[in-house]
């Protein structure tokens, strides 16, 4: 069965369907401050109406999450340089890690003693030959 976001779906259901839904709402400046707070019981349709965001645009952005590349447990990945340079604590983390968990569009990757969580866009897949060198 195809997964998709619908106008009747609550924010809570959207968060459970795909971890990236939080980022999509944030791109529309929803949920980050007291003026734009959204309730997890709000429906996507109600949010569209209440905040003046075209429903088709909101649904298109949410459903595009399912078109993004996916990773699998065991895939070797690295942290993008723009993330590594912004977070000083990542300076000594091994260059290559491994995906150890995947659920609802969110991934867990182990880099030695460090475990990171994020979306597929937060990790760069490493080809098998490159990981061996």
Foldseek 3Di string as FASTA:
>chain_A
DDDFADQAQFLLNLCQQAVCLVVLCVVVVACDDPVRRDDRRHGLNNSCVVVVPPSVVSRVVSRCLVVDDDDDFFFKWAFDPVVCVVDVVNPPFAGIWTWHDDHRQKTWTDRDPDIDIDGPVRIGTDDPVRVVD
